Amino acid sequence: MLEDLKRALARVQNDYGFYIECQTNPSVALEGYSLSPDERLALTNPGKLADLLAPGNGISQLRITISGTHDWVNRVARMEAATDKGHHDSKVGLEVDAIKRASTDGDRFRAAFRLMELIG
């Protein structure tokens, strides 16, 4: 399970669309990963992920490196606090950002497809 957690964390770090899918559709996003319930919760709950990634916590035991700067927790917290319309608008904006940041055609396609589902 630990190796799959490492793979999922590496993907979360490099694929913002995947991270958003972990939040919005975790059963689909994480279906190819063998994760414990706690690992799955960390990948689907921004607060738990922040706890895992905090210096001095579990991340050092994983022996992986987290690089760059990310605002995962704050973006999702703002999205959760939004009204229904604002929530929808926030998700649309996040998917547009995911399209812009996509590093592969597959990532871009998945983000565009999620955007099309949101806007109808």
Protein backbone atom coordinates (compact mmCIF):
# COMPACT_ATOMS: atom_id res chain seq x y z
CA MET A 1 0.00 0.00 0.00
CA LEU A 2 2.81 2.42 0.82
CA GLU A 3 4.12 2.31 -2.76
CA ASP A 4 0.69 3.21 -4.12
CA LEU A 5 0.46 6.10 -1.66
CA LYS A 6 3.82 7.34 -2.96
CA ARG A 7 2.59 7.03 -6.56
CA ALA A 8 -0.64 8.86 -5.77
CA LEU A 9 1.18 11.66 -3.91
CA ALA A 10 3.58 12.09 -6.82
CA ARG A 11 0.61 12.36 -9.17
CA VAL A 12 -1.18 14.80 -6.86
CA GLN A 13 1.93 16.97 -6.89
CA ASN A 14 2.19 17.03 -10.68
CA ASP A 15 -1.43 16.72 -11.84
CA TYR A 16 -3.78 19.28 -10.33
CA GLY A 17 -6.70 17.80 -12.27
CA PHE A 18 -6.06 14.45 -10.57
CA TYR A 19 -6.01 16.16 -7.18
CA ILE A 20 -9.37 17.82 -7.89
CA GLU A 21 -10.75 14.49 -9.06
CA CYS A 22 -9.61 12.97 -5.74
CA GLN A 23 -11.82 15.58 -4.07
CA THR A 24 -14.82 15.37 -6.36
CA ASN A 25 -14.81 11.74 -7.50
CA PRO A 26 -12.40 9.76 -5.29
CA SER A 27 -13.71 6.30 -6.16
CA VAL A 28 -12.84 6.84 -9.82
CA ALA A 29 -9.63 8.80 -9.26
CA LEU A 30 -8.14 6.28 -6.83
CA GLU A 31 -9.50 3.02 -8.25
CA GLY A 32 -6.10 1.93 -9.56
CA TYR A 33 -4.36 2.44 -6.21
CA SER A 34 -4.22 -0.01 -3.32
CA LEU A 35 -4.62 2.32 -0.32
CA SER A 36 -5.47 1.86 3.32
CA PRO A 37 -8.54 3.75 4.58
CA ASP A 38 -6.24 6.35 6.23
CA GLU A 39 -4.22 6.80 3.03
CA ARG A 40 -7.40 7.18 0.99
CA LEU A 41 -8.73 9.74 3.48
CA ALA A 42 -5.49 11.73 3.24
CA LEU A 43 -5.85 11.92 -0.53
CA THR A 44 -9.53 12.89 -0.46
CA ASN A 45 -9.53 15.30 2.49
CA PRO A 46 -7.46 18.49 2.09
CA GLY A 47 -6.96 18.91 5.84
CA LYS A 48 -5.70 15.34 6.27
CA LEU A 49 -3.39 15.78 3.27
CA ALA A 50 -2.00 18.98 4.78
CA ASP A 51 -1.42 17.11 8.06
CA LEU A 52 0.38 14.31 6.24
CA LEU A 53 2.57 16.76 4.31
CA ALA A 54 3.38 18.98 7.29
CA PRO A 55 7.06 18.94 8.32
CA GLY A 56 7.73 16.46 11.11
CA ASN A 57 4.66 14.37 10.33
CA GLY A 58 4.21 11.18 8.34
CA ILE A 59 5.80 12.47 5.15
CA SER A 60 9.35 11.92 6.40
CA GLN A 61 8.57 8.25 6.94
CA LEU A 62 7.52 7.92 3.30
CA ARG A 63 10.98 8.99 2.09
CA ILE A 64 9.62 11.10 -0.73
CA THR A 65 10.31 14.69 -1.63
CA ILE A 66 7.56 17.23 -2.08
CA SER A 67 8.79 20.07 -4.26
CA GLY A 68 7.32 23.35 -5.38
CA THR A 69 4.59 25.31 -3.73
CA HIS A 70 0.98 24.28 -3.65
CA ASP A 71 -2.21 25.81 -2.33
CA TRP A 72 -4.28 22.64 -2.23
CA VAL A 73 -5.91 23.20 1.14
CA ASN A 74 -6.84 26.84 0.63
CA ARG A 75 -8.36 26.30 -2.81
CA VAL A 76 -10.55 23.44 -1.69
CA ALA A 77 -11.55 25.19 1.54
CA ARG A 78 -12.72 28.22 -0.47
CA MET A 79 -14.57 25.92 -2.83
CA GLU A 80 -16.35 24.13 0.04
CA ALA A 81 -17.37 27.42 1.64
CA ALA A 82 -18.95 28.75 -1.56
CA THR A 83 -22.70 28.84 -2.20
CA ASP A 84 -24.14 26.36 -4.68
CA LYS A 85 -23.72 28.78 -7.59
CA GLY A 86 -20.38 29.97 -6.29
CA HIS A 87 -19.38 26.36 -5.76
CA HIS A 88 -20.21 25.58 -9.38
CA ASP A 89 -18.35 28.68 -10.58
CA SER A 90 -15.34 27.73 -8.46
CA LYS A 91 -15.29 24.23 -9.91
CA VAL A 92 -15.50 25.66 -13.44
CA GLY A 93 -12.56 27.96 -12.68
CA LEU A 94 -10.55 25.09 -11.22
CA GLU A 95 -11.13 22.98 -14.32
CA VAL A 96 -10.11 25.86 -16.59
CA ASP A 97 -6.91 26.15 -14.53
CA ALA A 98 -6.39 22.39 -14.81
CA ILE A 99 -6.66 22.65 -18.61
CA LYS A 100 -4.11 25.46 -18.68
CA ARG A 101 -1.68 23.57 -16.43
CA ALA A 102 -2.09 20.15 -18.04
CA SER A 103 1.24 18.66 -19.02
CA THR A 104 -0.14 15.90 -21.25
CA ASP A 105 -2.92 15.60 -23.79
CA GLY A 106 -4.62 13.01 -21.56
CA ASP A 107 -4.65 15.35 -18.56
CA ARG A 108 -5.94 18.18 -20.75
CA PHE A 109 -8.67 15.95 -22.19
CA ARG A 110 -9.83 14.76 -18.75
CA ALA A 111 -9.98 18.34 -17.42
CA ALA A 112 -11.83 19.52 -20.55
CA PHE A 113 -14.29 16.64 -20.22
CA ARG A 114 -14.94 17.49 -16.55
CA LEU A 115 -15.45 21.13 -17.57
CA MET A 116 -17.96 20.11 -20.25
CA GLU A 117 -19.87 18.05 -17.68
CA LEU A 118 -20.00 21.07 -15.35
CA ILE A 119 -21.26 23.55 -17.92
CA GLY A 120 -23.51 21.15 -19.81
